[in-house]
Every structure is written in structure tokens, then in C-alpha cells.
Amino acid sequence: MRLSEIRQHLPAAELRGDGAVDVSAAEFDSRDAGHGAIFVAVPGLNVDGHDFLARAVAAGASAVCVQRDHEQKWRDFDGRLPILIVDDTRAALATIAAALHDFPARKLNVIGVTGTDGKTSLSYLLAHVLQTAGERTGLISTAECRIGDEIIGDSGRFTTPEAPEVQSMLATMVQHRCRWAVVEATSHGLALHRLDQVEPDIAVVTNVSADHLDFHGSVENYLAAKGRLFEMLDEAAPKGELAKTAILNADDPSYAYFRERTNGRIVTYGIDSEADFRADKIRPTDWGSDFKVKHPGGELRLGITSPGVFNVSNALAALTVSAVAGVDLNEAAGAIKYWPGAPGRMQRIDEGQPFTVVVDFAHAPDSLRRVLSLLRSRTPGRLIALFGCIGERERERRSGMGRAAAELADFTIVTDDNPYTEDRDAILAEIADALRAAGKEEGADFAVIPDRRDALAHALRIAQPNDAVLLAGKGHETKVVLADTSYDCNDAELARQLLRDRH
């Protein structure tokens, strides 16, 4: 695409230089900005892309995109090669990437899934329901990106991929004749414009509690980031007969806020509140729940093989989305009942051992408390909790997770999560201090074992019949990242291997 054509999709942009230059890729890493690429200088959290303009030019970039308020950094490049000048390079990056792929989201029915907890599980569940109904479906999530069962892109990240990769994956879905795309919408991805040009047709929220305040700065900003998904419904291109629809959790305090973020159709689900789709007569099964759903067309029974009321809510949300998407409700109910679950989300590890082992992504106080409460109600023996706390996040997480374990677990093992650039021992010490403050004694009630592999082995070694072991915080992730190194650790795979070795 010619640079002048890209400029037409950025109404406020100023083009200086040769607009006839051909652009074939949008890059935000100067090392990847070779011939044919436009290097988009994005101000990052730690570094500023404008500081790497010379490297991008040396790498062979055909053009650059810069931010108007950073002129002191790009002034010397004016005239050396074509420049697009914009107000916000992050937003421009998404638009340029979408334009280069001919706006693939406009050729798909897109379901955006947001929330604090449960959004990865719901994204997986929705992809499973649509595929079971015979719809070719793509999935972009923090755990995995795929079309059907085929992995695409770089999976296993912690948050939404950058805009060029999102648009590339959507384009791949179009090439593979997908009709649907399910996109997990994190608050980071929404706030940083990574999901601009995703063109949602259906937006659904699980629940909202305070999280990522280190990045967003306040609960209000965090909520506003989530709310962008619903505002995007009004901005998205029309696609056939599918009405833009917001699917909201009537039980969640965020309901009223999100309802005001869109002019689209509103459909609700809930357990305790009046809703279009409402769960009733919930009863636990071996590792799941069975319940009745009252909906505008009548009633049906629904089951899910993941435990807890929060998974009942997710199943209800999936059924609601299915109805809006035109999937037969009985077919959707059957798919939900036999869904195998998302990796690292309430994932039970069973190698014939006489105790329960569960891997879950819970990595904040509220989510850890929720999972511990569930396991506490289902565990006749001791509840052993293993977790750490991610670095470079708000420090209050550490004490909050320690307090949750002190209240609900019988024994706690404090270990690595991803310390990143922080001192791992300092993070573990803060969690241990919270346990001590709650009256717990090291040795008798908790242990600190920094290496997660050693900690996991210890947890399984001390477990007795009828106990439950929760391996929390890492979920689907396969590495622990320290300040200057990393080591492999897949909780589910390591637990399986250690349990097999016991026999």
C-alpha cells in the first residue's frame, strides 16, 4: 500500500515526503524495520520508540510514523525519508496494521470478551461452542491463539498481543475462511490501542474488581479501559444482520457503568439478579455444576464440568452469547456440558493420586480468595496453597494474597511467580510477613521455597489422602522470569510427572 493511501485512514495525520513509497509492514521494533516497513515510533512504558529512529533508518525502513508532541526527537529526520506525523502513534499503529491487512475484522463476526477474572475461560468456551456448532472460529487469548485446533501466532503471553500481530492473526482467520473470531480483551490491550480496529459485533463482560492499578493508576481508569470495548460497538463497521450487542453481568457492580458505554442492544445474564438469562436451582456435581436456565424462549438445563459459582456465571454468559450469535440453545448447552476447560484455569491434575491437585491462574488477592474458598468447601482434608506474586505490579497484591491464604489454607508454600526485575526474595518476604501478621508460623503453617519447581515437589510430597493442593498464579505459563534469567516451569506438566513418579 502506498503511504499516501495509508494517510487516508488517518484523517488527522500530516504526510511529509514521498507519498508514493510502498509500505508492506508496520513495525514498532526498530530491529524489524527493514525495507518496505514503516517504523511506528511508540512511546513505551520504559523506552521511547522515537529514540530508535536512527536504528530504524539504518535497518532500511521505508518510512516512519512519529508523534506530533515528540518533534524534538524526530525533527532531524524530516526530509531524510517520508514521515507520517500523528497525535498518537499507538492508535496509528493499529490503524496502519489493519489497513495493510485490508481491515480483516470487517470480514469476521467478532466477539470481544473482557473482565477481571474468567475472560480467558469464557473465550475458550465460546470458541468451543461455535466450533461444535460447525462454525469455523479463530481465538485470540492470553493463553493461546488458534484457528480450530491449529496454533497461530505467539501463544503463552501475559496480555493482549500488539496491534500488528492482532491484525495479522485476524487476516489469517479470514484467509482460512473463519466466520467468527473470539478476542480476549485485556485492560492493557484496550488502553494501549492494541485492539483498535477489531470491530466487535458482540461485547461481553465477566466481572470487574480492582486490578492492574499499577498501570491504570485508579479504579476509574481501569473501568474506563474495560468500557472501551463497549464503546467500540458503536464505532464498529456494520456487518449484515448481526446487531451490535453488549452482554452484561446483571450481578456485577459494573453493570450500570457498561450499560451507559454503548447505544447497542443490551442482553443480560445473572444468578442473583433479574436478567434475560438467569441461572436457578444450582447444584454441585463431582467437578462442576448443574442448573436450570430461564431465558426469553423458556427454560433448559445446563451443566458445566468446571466447579464454582463463577463457572456457572461463565456458562451462563456463553449461553447468552450463543443465543445472540444464532446458535441453537440446545446445541450450545450440549457443547458447554462437555467442554474440557481452558489450560491452567481450574485444571484438575489426576494421575490416580489420593488427593486433589488443581492448577489455576489466580494471581491476585480476589481471584486467589475465590479459588481457595471453592476448594475449601470441597476438601475434607488439608488445603495446601502454593503461589507467589508477580513483580512490577502494585505491592498490595503481596499482602492481600498472603492474607487470603492465611484465612483459607491450612498450609501455604510461598514461591516464585514472575519477579521480573524485582528482588524475588523481597517479594516472598512481603507475602511471608502477611502470613505472620495473621498469626501463622513459618515451618508449622507455611514455608518459603523460592524455586517453583522445588516448591511444587514439596507440595505434592506433603499432601495426604483427601487433601487438596492448589498451584496458583502461573496457569498456562511455562517459564518463571527472574531479573537476569528464567527457568522452565509448567505447573500442570511438572505436577503430572511428579505424580507419575510416585507410583
Protein backbone atom coordinates (compact mmCIF):
# COMPACT_ATOMS: atom_id res chain seq x y z
CA MET A 1 0.00 0.00 0.00
CA ARG A 2 1.27 3.45 -0.83
CA LEU A 3 2.00 5.72 2.13
CA SER A 4 -0.48 8.26 0.76
CA GLU A 5 -3.20 5.59 0.86
CA ILE A 6 -2.37 4.81 4.48
CA ARG A 7 -2.58 8.52 5.22
CA GLN A 8 -6.24 8.48 4.06
CA HIS A 9 -7.09 6.19 7.01
CA LEU A 10 -5.54 8.67 9.45
CA PRO A 11 -7.54 11.88 8.92
CA ALA A 12 -5.53 13.99 11.37
CA ALA A 13 -2.14 12.81 10.10
CA GLU A 14 0.33 15.01 8.23
CA LEU A 15 2.40 13.45 5.46
CA ARG A 16 5.82 14.86 4.65
CA GLY A 17 7.89 13.42 1.84
CA ASP A 18 7.16 10.96 -0.93
CA GLY A 19 3.64 9.56 -0.51
CA ALA A 20 4.18 7.11 -3.37
CA VAL A 21 6.57 4.94 -1.34
CA ASP A 22 5.26 1.40 -0.93
CA VAL A 23 4.68 0.08 2.60
CA SER A 24 4.19 -3.63 3.30
CA ALA A 25 4.55 -3.87 7.08
CA ALA A 26 4.09 -1.82 10.24
CA GLU A 27 6.85 -2.31 12.83
CA PHE A 28 7.29 -0.84 16.32
CA ASP A 29 10.64 -2.58 16.96
CA SER A 30 13.44 -0.82 15.08
CA ARG A 31 15.29 -4.14 14.66
CA ASP A 32 12.44 -5.44 12.48
CA ALA A 33 12.03 -2.28 10.39
CA GLY A 34 13.56 -3.44 7.13
CA HIS A 35 12.84 -2.43 3.53
CA GLY A 36 9.14 -1.88 2.93
CA ALA A 37 8.36 -1.28 6.60
CA ILE A 38 7.02 1.83 8.23
CA PHE A 39 8.60 2.20 11.65
CA VAL A 40 5.99 3.48 14.11
CA ALA A 41 7.74 5.22 17.00
CA VAL A 42 5.67 4.28 20.04
CA PRO A 43 6.38 5.85 23.45
CA GLY A 44 6.56 2.78 25.69
CA LEU A 45 6.37 2.25 29.43
CA ASN A 46 10.16 2.00 29.76
CA VAL A 47 11.61 3.20 26.45
CA ASP A 48 10.52 5.61 23.71
CA GLY A 49 10.45 4.43 20.11
CA HIS A 50 11.45 7.91 18.99
CA ASP A 51 14.89 7.22 20.48
CA PHE A 52 15.36 4.42 17.92
CA LEU A 53 14.56 6.31 14.72
CA ALA A 54 18.19 6.25 13.59
CA ARG A 55 18.34 2.48 14.06
CA ALA A 56 15.13 2.02 12.06
CA VAL A 57 16.53 4.14 9.23
CA ALA A 58 19.79 2.16 9.33
CA ALA A 59 17.80 -1.09 9.21
CA GLY A 60 16.25 0.05 5.93
CA ALA A 61 12.82 1.37 6.94
CA SER A 62 10.94 2.90 4.02
CA ALA A 63 9.05 5.44 6.17
CA VAL A 64 8.49 6.40 9.78
CA CYS A 65 5.44 7.42 11.80
CA VAL A 66 6.08 9.83 14.67
CA GLN A 67 4.09 11.57 17.36
CA ARG A 68 3.49 15.30 16.95
CA ASP A 69 4.44 16.17 20.56
CA HIS A 70 7.85 14.44 20.20
CA GLU A 71 9.15 16.79 17.49
CA GLN A 72 12.42 17.44 19.29
CA LYS A 73 13.28 13.77 18.71
CA TRP A 74 12.25 13.46 15.05
CA ARG A 75 12.99 16.95 13.71
CA ASP A 76 16.38 15.90 12.27
CA PHE A 77 14.77 13.06 10.27
CA ASP A 78 12.34 15.37 8.47
CA GLY A 79 13.31 15.31 4.81
CA ARG A 80 15.57 12.24 5.08
CA LEU A 81 12.67 9.84 4.36
CA PRO A 82 8.85 10.00 4.27
CA ILE A 83 7.21 10.80 7.62
CA LEU A 84 3.68 10.45 8.90
CA ILE A 85 3.03 12.80 11.84
CA VAL A 86 0.14 11.82 14.12
CA ASP A 87 -1.25 12.74 17.54
CA ASP A 88 -0.97 9.20 18.94
CA THR A 89 1.39 6.65 17.39
CA ARG A 90 -0.09 3.75 19.36
CA ALA A 91 -3.52 4.38 17.84
CA ALA A 92 -1.90 4.93 14.44
CA LEU A 93 -0.04 1.61 14.70
CA ALA A 94 -3.33 -0.29 14.95
CA THR A 95 -4.91 1.59 12.05
CA ILE A 96 -1.86 1.18 9.80
CA ALA A 97 -1.63 -2.55 10.59
CA ALA A 98 -5.34 -3.02 9.90
CA ALA A 99 -5.12 -1.08 6.63
CA LEU A 100 -2.17 -3.16 5.43
CA HIS A 101 -4.29 -6.29 6.00
CA ASP A 102 -7.36 -4.72 4.35
CA PHE A 103 -9.22 -4.38 7.68
CA PRO A 104 -9.77 -8.11 8.30
CA ALA A 105 -12.12 -7.67 11.29
CA ARG A 106 -14.72 -6.21 8.92
CA LYS A 107 -14.90 -9.62 7.25
CA LEU A 108 -15.46 -11.53 10.50
CA ASN A 109 -18.10 -11.65 13.21
CA VAL A 110 -16.08 -10.61 16.27
CA ILE A 111 -16.86 -11.40 19.91
CA GLY A 112 -14.86 -9.36 22.41
CA VAL A 113 -14.54 -10.75 25.94
CA THR A 114 -13.41 -8.60 28.86
CA GLY A 115 -13.49 -8.70 32.66
CA THR A 116 -11.12 -9.10 35.60
CA ASP A 117 -11.48 -12.85 36.09
CA GLY A 118 -12.76 -15.59 33.83
CA LYS A 119 -12.26 -13.89 30.47
CA THR A 120 -9.75 -16.46 29.18
CA SER A 121 -12.01 -19.34 30.23
CA LEU A 122 -15.04 -17.69 28.63
CA SER A 123 -13.10 -17.01 25.42
CA TYR A 124 -12.12 -20.67 25.18
CA LEU A 125 -15.65 -21.79 25.98
CA LEU A 126 -17.17 -19.56 23.30
CA ALA A 127 -14.72 -20.82 20.67
CA HIS A 128 -15.59 -24.38 21.70
CA VAL A 129 -19.35 -23.77 21.42
CA LEU A 130 -19.08 -22.12 18.00
CA GLN A 131 -16.82 -24.83 16.64
CA THR A 132 -19.13 -27.55 18.00
CA ALA A 133 -21.97 -25.81 16.18
CA GLY A 134 -19.99 -26.14 12.94
CA GLU A 135 -18.74 -22.55 12.76
CA ARG A 136 -15.11 -22.09 11.73
CA THR A 137 -13.72 -19.94 14.54
CA GLY A 138 -10.49 -18.19 15.47
CA LEU A 139 -9.38 -17.42 19.02
CA ILE A 140 -7.03 -14.73 20.31
CA SER A 141 -6.41 -15.11 24.03
CA THR A 142 -3.65 -14.57 26.57
CA ALA A 143 -3.15 -18.33 26.80
CA GLU A 144 -3.30 -19.32 23.16
CA CYS A 145 -4.15 -18.07 19.67
CA ARG A 146 -5.57 -20.55 17.19
CA ILE A 147 -7.93 -21.42 14.38
CA GLY A 148 -9.83 -24.54 15.33
CA ASP A 149 -7.11 -26.70 16.89
CA GLU A 150 -4.24 -25.13 14.93
CA ILE A 151 -1.99 -22.73 16.88
CA ILE A 152 -1.25 -19.40 15.18
CA GLY A 153 0.95 -16.51 16.30
CA ASP A 154 2.92 -16.36 19.52
CA SER A 155 0.98 -18.04 22.33
CA GLY A 156 1.59 -18.02 26.06
CA ARG A 157 1.85 -14.27 26.69
CA PHE A 158 0.52 -12.49 29.77
CA THR A 159 -1.66 -9.95 27.98
CA THR A 160 -3.03 -8.94 24.57
CA PRO A 161 -0.53 -9.10 21.65
CA GLU A 162 0.49 -5.86 19.95
CA ALA A 163 -1.75 -4.46 17.20
CA PRO A 164 0.28 -5.71 14.18
CA GLU A 165 0.10 -9.28 15.47
CA VAL A 166 -3.61 -8.97 16.28
CA GLN A 167 -4.34 -7.75 12.75
CA SER A 168 -2.11 -10.42 11.22
CA MET A 169 -3.96 -13.16 13.10
CA LEU A 170 -7.34 -11.74 12.10
CA ALA A 171 -6.15 -11.71 8.48
CA THR A 172 -5.07 -15.36 8.82
CA MET A 173 -8.56 -16.18 10.09
CA VAL A 174 -10.08 -14.52 7.03
CA GLN A 175 -7.71 -16.49 4.77
CA HIS A 176 -8.84 -19.70 6.47
CA ARG A 177 -12.49 -18.78 5.87
CA CYS A 178 -13.37 -18.29 9.52
CA ARG A 179 -16.78 -16.77 10.16
CA TRP A 180 -16.15 -15.92 13.83
CA ALA A 181 -13.28 -14.52 15.87
CA VAL A 182 -13.28 -14.62 19.67
CA VAL A 183 -10.92 -11.99 21.09
CA GLU A 184 -9.96 -11.74 24.75
CA ALA A 185 -9.83 -8.01 25.52
CA THR A 186 -7.50 -7.17 28.42
CA SER A 187 -7.47 -3.74 30.03
CA HIS A 188 -3.87 -3.24 28.81
CA GLY A 189 -4.83 -4.19 25.27
CA LEU A 190 -7.74 -1.78 25.26
CA ALA A 191 -5.93 1.12 26.92
CA LEU A 192 -2.85 0.77 24.68
CA HIS A 193 -4.91 0.66 21.43
CA ARG A 194 -3.79 -2.90 20.65
CA LEU A 195 -7.43 -3.80 19.97
CA ASP A 196 -8.32 -0.76 17.90
CA GLN A 197 -9.82 -1.82 14.54
CA VAL A 198 -11.02 -5.16 15.95
CA GLU A 199 -14.59 -4.10 15.10
CA PRO A 200 -16.57 -6.08 17.73
CA ASP A 201 -20.12 -7.20 17.00
CA ILE A 202 -20.72 -8.70 20.43
CA ALA A 203 -19.03 -7.49 23.62
CA VAL A 204 -19.34 -9.48 26.84
CA VAL A 205 -18.02 -8.86 30.36
CA THR A 206 -17.47 -11.45 33.10
CA ASN A 207 -16.91 -9.35 36.25
CA VAL A 208 -14.85 -6.38 37.35
CA SER A 209 -12.81 -5.86 40.52
CA ALA A 210 -9.83 -3.59 41.12
CA ASP A 211 -6.74 -4.85 39.28
CA HIS A 212 -3.65 -3.58 37.43
CA LEU A 213 -3.78 -0.30 39.34
CA ASP A 214 -0.01 -0.05 38.96
CA PHE A 215 -0.65 0.55 35.26
CA HIS A 216 -4.04 2.28 35.21
CA GLY A 217 -3.49 4.43 38.28
CA SER A 218 -7.06 4.25 39.59
CA VAL A 219 -10.14 2.05 39.62
CA GLU A 220 -11.87 4.65 37.43
CA ASN A 221 -9.19 4.39 34.75
CA TYR A 222 -9.26 0.59 34.90
CA LEU A 223 -13.04 0.57 34.47
CA ALA A 224 -12.77 3.08 31.62
CA ALA A 225 -10.29 0.80 29.84
CA LYS A 226 -12.75 -2.09 30.05
CA GLY A 227 -15.52 0.23 28.93
CA ARG A 228 -13.69 0.93 25.66
CA LEU A 229 -14.79 -2.48 24.38
CA PHE A 230 -18.44 -1.42 24.65
CA GLU A 231 -17.79 1.98 23.10
CA MET A 232 -16.17 0.17 20.19
CA LEU A 233 -19.52 -1.48 19.43
CA ASP A 234 -20.84 1.91 18.35
CA GLU A 235 -17.73 2.64 16.26
CA ALA A 236 -17.51 -0.73 14.51
CA ALA A 237 -18.49 -1.24 10.88
CA PRO A 238 -21.94 -2.78 10.29
CA LYS A 239 -21.82 -6.41 9.15
CA GLY A 240 -25.01 -7.88 7.77
CA GLU A 241 -27.91 -8.58 10.11
CA LEU A 242 -25.96 -9.13 13.35
CA ALA A 243 -26.94 -6.26 15.66
CA LYS A 244 -24.20 -4.76 17.81
CA THR A 245 -24.85 -6.26 21.24
CA ALA A 246 -23.47 -5.77 24.75
CA ILE A 247 -23.86 -8.79 27.03
CA LEU A 248 -23.65 -7.70 30.64
CA ASN A 249 -23.47 -9.44 34.01
CA ALA A 250 -26.50 -8.19 35.94
CA ASP A 251 -24.94 -9.44 39.20
CA ASP A 252 -21.79 -7.34 38.86
CA PRO A 253 -21.47 -3.75 40.16
CA SER A 254 -20.05 -2.77 36.76
CA TYR A 255 -23.41 -3.40 35.07
CA ALA A 256 -24.76 0.15 35.21
CA TYR A 257 -21.45 1.65 34.05
CA PHE A 258 -21.12 -0.56 30.99
CA ARG A 259 -24.76 -0.14 30.08
CA GLU A 260 -24.06 3.56 29.55
CA ARG A 261 -20.99 2.95 27.39
CA THR A 262 -22.91 1.87 24.29
CA ASN A 263 -26.01 2.59 22.26
CA GLY A 264 -26.11 -1.04 21.15
CA ARG A 265 -28.57 -3.71 22.14
CA ILE A 266 -28.26 -4.86 25.78
CA VAL A 267 -28.74 -8.51 26.82
CA THR A 268 -28.15 -9.57 30.41
CA TYR A 269 -27.28 -12.71 32.34
CA GLY A 270 -27.20 -13.32 36.07
CA ILE A 271 -27.70 -15.61 39.04
CA ASP A 272 -28.88 -13.35 41.86
CA SER A 273 -30.38 -10.53 39.77
CA GLU A 274 -33.21 -10.32 37.27
CA ALA A 275 -31.73 -10.96 33.83
CA ASP A 276 -32.64 -12.13 30.35
CA PHE A 277 -30.73 -15.37 31.02
CA ARG A 278 -30.86 -16.40 34.67
CA ALA A 279 -29.49 -19.46 36.47
CA ASP A 280 -31.67 -21.21 39.03
CA LYS A 281 -31.53 -24.36 41.19
CA ILE A 282 -27.74 -24.68 41.07
CA ARG A 283 -26.33 -27.90 42.48
CA PRO A 284 -22.69 -29.04 42.53
CA THR A 285 -21.63 -32.19 40.71
CA ASP A 286 -18.34 -34.13 41.05
CA TRP A 287 -16.24 -31.43 39.36
CA GLY A 288 -18.75 -28.95 38.09
CA SER A 289 -22.33 -27.75 38.44
CA ASP A 290 -25.80 -28.46 37.08
CA PHE A 291 -28.53 -25.81 36.94
CA LYS A 292 -31.66 -24.55 35.24
CA VAL A 293 -31.62 -21.52 32.94
CA LYS A 294 -34.66 -19.31 32.45
CA HIS A 295 -34.45 -17.38 29.18
CA PRO A 296 -36.78 -15.43 26.87
CA GLY A 297 -37.69 -18.60 24.97
CA GLY A 298 -38.38 -20.80 28.00
CA GLU A 299 -36.17 -22.99 30.21
CA LEU A 300 -33.41 -25.55 29.81
CA ARG A 301 -30.97 -27.45 31.98
CA LEU A 302 -27.30 -26.62 31.71
CA GLY A 303 -24.23 -28.31 33.14
CA ILE A 304 -20.54 -27.47 33.18
CA THR A 305 -17.55 -29.60 34.17
CA SER A 306 -15.71 -26.78 35.94
CA PRO A 307 -16.57 -26.11 39.58
CA GLY A 308 -17.75 -22.98 41.37
CA VAL A 309 -20.41 -20.32 41.02
CA PHE A 310 -18.03 -18.25 38.89
CA ASN A 311 -18.02 -21.03 36.30
CA VAL A 312 -21.82 -21.18 36.43
CA SER A 313 -21.74 -17.48 35.57
CA ASN A 314 -19.31 -18.14 32.69
CA ALA A 315 -21.51 -20.94 31.34
CA LEU A 316 -24.50 -18.61 31.53
CA ALA A 317 -22.57 -15.90 29.68
CA ALA A 318 -21.62 -18.43 26.98
CA LEU A 319 -25.24 -19.50 26.54
CA THR A 320 -26.30 -15.84 26.26
CA VAL A 321 -23.66 -15.12 23.61
CA SER A 322 -24.72 -18.27 21.76
CA ALA A 323 -28.32 -17.06 21.61
CA VAL A 324 -27.25 -13.66 20.26
CA ALA A 325 -24.95 -15.36 17.73
CA GLY A 326 -27.79 -17.51 16.45
CA VAL A 327 -26.59 -20.86 17.79
CA ASP A 328 -29.34 -23.33 18.71
CA LEU A 329 -29.57 -23.22 22.52
CA ASN A 330 -29.86 -26.98 22.97
CA GLU A 331 -26.78 -27.47 20.80
CA ALA A 332 -24.95 -24.78 22.77
CA ALA A 333 -25.96 -26.40 26.07
CA GLY A 334 -24.56 -29.74 24.91
CA ALA A 335 -21.27 -28.12 23.90
CA ILE A 336 -20.97 -26.32 27.24
CA LYS A 337 -21.67 -29.52 29.19
CA TYR A 338 -18.78 -31.37 27.53
CA TRP A 339 -16.29 -28.53 27.37
CA PRO A 340 -12.87 -29.80 28.59
CA GLY A 341 -11.85 -26.44 30.11
CA ALA A 342 -9.15 -23.87 29.41
CA PRO A 343 -5.48 -24.63 30.12
CA GLY A 344 -4.40 -23.54 33.58
CA ARG A 345 -7.89 -22.48 34.67
CA MET A 346 -9.27 -24.68 37.47
CA GLN A 347 -7.43 -27.51 35.73
CA ARG A 348 -7.55 -30.73 37.74
CA ILE A 349 -4.44 -32.92 37.50
CA ASP A 350 -5.35 -36.56 38.03
CA GLU A 351 -2.74 -39.30 37.89
CA GLY A 352 -4.56 -41.60 40.30
CA GLN A 353 -3.24 -39.89 43.44
CA PRO A 354 -5.46 -39.95 46.58
CA PHE A 355 -5.66 -36.16 46.82
CA THR A 356 -6.80 -33.30 44.57
CA VAL A 357 -4.34 -31.20 42.56
CA VAL A 358 -5.56 -28.06 40.80
CA VAL A 359 -3.66 -25.61 38.56
CA ASP A 360 -5.20 -22.15 38.31
CA PHE A 361 -4.14 -18.73 37.04
CA ALA A 362 -5.31 -16.90 40.19
CA HIS A 363 -2.60 -14.27 40.68
CA ALA A 364 -4.35 -11.50 42.63
CA PRO A 365 -5.99 -11.43 46.08
CA ASP A 366 -9.63 -11.62 44.91
CA SER A 367 -9.10 -14.45 42.45
CA LEU A 368 -6.94 -16.41 44.91
CA ARG A 369 -9.57 -16.00 47.62
CA ARG A 370 -12.31 -17.17 45.24
CA VAL A 371 -10.46 -20.36 44.27
CA LEU A 372 -9.37 -21.14 47.83
CA SER A 373 -12.94 -20.70 49.08
CA LEU A 374 -14.20 -23.13 46.47
CA LEU A 375 -11.57 -25.76 47.26
CA ARG A 376 -12.09 -25.26 50.99
CA SER A 377 -15.76 -26.23 50.57
CA ARG A 378 -14.81 -29.37 48.62
CA THR A 379 -11.81 -30.57 50.65
CA PRO A 380 -12.28 -32.92 53.63
CA GLY A 381 -8.55 -32.89 54.40
CA ARG A 382 -5.95 -30.11 54.39
CA LEU A 383 -5.85 -27.37 51.79
CA ILE A 384 -2.29 -26.65 50.64
CA ALA A 385 -1.80 -23.44 48.68
CA LEU A 386 1.28 -22.73 46.56
CA PHE A 387 1.73 -19.28 45.00
CA GLY A 388 3.96 -16.24 44.66
CA CYS A 389 3.31 -12.76 43.37
CA ILE A 390 4.28 -11.18 40.08
CA GLY A 391 6.85 -8.40 40.19
CA GLU A 392 6.47 -4.89 38.78
CA ARG A 393 2.85 -4.73 39.96
CA GLU A 394 1.22 -2.99 42.90
CA ARG A 395 2.82 -4.21 46.15
CA GLU A 396 -0.56 -4.51 47.88
CA ARG A 397 -1.12 -7.74 45.94
CA ARG A 398 1.51 -9.47 48.05
CA SER A 399 -0.01 -8.82 51.44
CA GLY A 400 -3.50 -9.40 50.05
CA MET A 401 -2.60 -12.83 48.74
CA GLY A 402 -0.86 -13.67 52.00
CA ARG A 403 -3.97 -12.73 53.99
CA ALA A 404 -6.21 -14.81 51.71
CA ALA A 405 -4.02 -17.88 52.23
CA ALA A 406 -3.82 -17.28 55.98
CA GLU A 407 -7.62 -17.27 56.21
CA LEU A 408 -8.41 -20.17 53.90
CA ALA A 409 -5.43 -22.54 53.52
CA ASP A 410 -4.09 -24.98 56.11
CA PHE A 411 -0.55 -24.79 54.77
CA THR A 412 0.99 -22.28 52.38
CA ILE A 413 4.10 -22.57 50.24
CA VAL A 414 5.40 -19.17 49.12
CA THR A 415 7.40 -19.37 45.90
CA ASP A 416 8.34 -17.65 42.65
CA ASP A 417 5.78 -16.26 40.26
CA ASN A 418 7.47 -13.89 37.77
CA PRO A 419 9.60 -11.46 39.81
CA TYR A 420 10.86 -9.84 36.61
CA THR A 421 13.32 -7.08 37.55
CA GLU A 422 12.37 -7.05 41.24
CA ASP A 423 14.20 -8.85 44.05
CA ARG A 424 12.49 -12.24 44.29
CA ASP A 425 13.39 -12.60 47.99
CA ALA A 426 11.83 -9.23 48.83
CA ILE A 427 8.55 -10.26 47.18
CA LEU A 428 8.47 -13.58 49.03
CA ALA A 429 9.30 -11.83 52.30
CA GLU A 430 6.32 -9.48 51.94
CA ILE A 431 3.95 -12.42 51.43
CA ALA A 432 5.51 -14.22 54.41
CA ASP A 433 5.14 -11.08 56.55
CA ALA A 434 1.40 -11.02 55.79
CA LEU A 435 1.11 -14.67 56.87
CA ARG A 436 2.96 -13.92 60.12
CA ALA A 437 0.80 -10.88 60.75
CA ALA A 438 -2.22 -13.17 60.52
CA GLY A 439 -0.77 -15.42 63.23
CA LYS A 440 0.84 -18.04 61.00
CA GLU A 441 4.18 -19.59 61.94
CA GLU A 442 6.88 -20.45 59.43
CA GLY A 443 7.53 -24.18 59.48
CA ALA A 444 4.24 -25.10 61.12
CA ASP A 445 1.85 -23.16 58.83
CA PHE A 446 3.92 -22.06 55.85
CA ALA A 447 7.23 -22.48 54.06
CA VAL A 448 9.20 -20.20 51.74
CA ILE A 449 10.78 -22.12 48.84
CA PRO A 450 11.93 -19.70 46.11
CA ASP A 451 12.44 -22.12 43.21
CA ARG A 452 8.96 -23.00 41.99
CA ARG A 453 9.99 -26.47 40.84
CA ASP A 454 11.28 -27.35 44.31
CA ALA A 455 8.21 -25.78 45.90
CA LEU A 456 5.85 -27.79 43.71
CA ALA A 457 7.67 -31.04 44.51
CA HIS A 458 7.42 -30.23 48.22
CA ALA A 459 3.69 -29.52 47.99
CA LEU A 460 2.99 -32.89 46.38
CA ARG A 461 5.34 -34.67 48.80
CA ILE A 462 3.49 -33.48 51.91
CA ALA A 463 -0.03 -34.00 50.54
CA GLN A 464 -2.03 -36.76 52.22
CA PRO A 465 -5.22 -38.61 51.18
CA ASN A 466 -8.25 -36.26 50.98
CA ASP A 467 -6.04 -33.15 50.86
CA ALA A 468 -6.17 -30.59 48.04
CA VAL A 469 -3.14 -28.83 46.53
CA LEU A 470 -3.66 -25.55 44.68
CA LEU A 471 -0.86 -24.49 42.32
CA ALA A 472 -1.82 -20.87 41.75
CA GLY A 473 -0.60 -17.92 39.74
CA LYS A 474 1.05 -19.35 36.62
CA GLY A 475 -1.81 -21.23 34.96
CA HIS A 476 -0.83 -21.93 31.34
CA GLU A 477 2.57 -20.20 31.56
CA THR A 478 5.69 -22.28 31.01
CA LYS A 479 8.52 -20.10 32.37
CA VAL A 480 9.42 -18.22 35.52
CA VAL A 481 11.12 -14.94 34.65
CA LEU A 482 13.69 -13.54 37.09
CA ALA A 483 15.70 -10.31 36.90
CA ASP A 484 18.59 -11.75 34.90
CA THR A 485 17.47 -15.23 33.89
CA SER A 486 14.49 -17.56 33.62
CA TYR A 487 13.74 -21.22 34.12
CA ASP A 488 11.19 -23.63 32.68
CA CYS A 489 8.22 -24.49 34.87
CA ASN A 490 4.88 -25.67 33.54
CA ASP A 491 2.83 -26.37 36.68
CA ALA A 492 0.50 -28.88 35.03
CA GLU A 493 3.20 -30.87 33.24
CA LEU A 494 5.57 -30.88 36.21
CA ALA A 495 2.79 -31.97 38.58
CA ARG A 496 1.81 -34.82 36.24
CA GLN A 497 5.40 -36.03 36.02
CA LEU A 498 5.97 -35.88 39.77
CA LEU A 499 2.70 -37.69 40.46
CA ARG A 500 3.59 -40.44 37.96
CA ASP A 501 6.98 -40.82 39.64
CA ARG A 502 5.25 -41.50 42.97
CA HIS A 503 3.86 -44.81 41.69
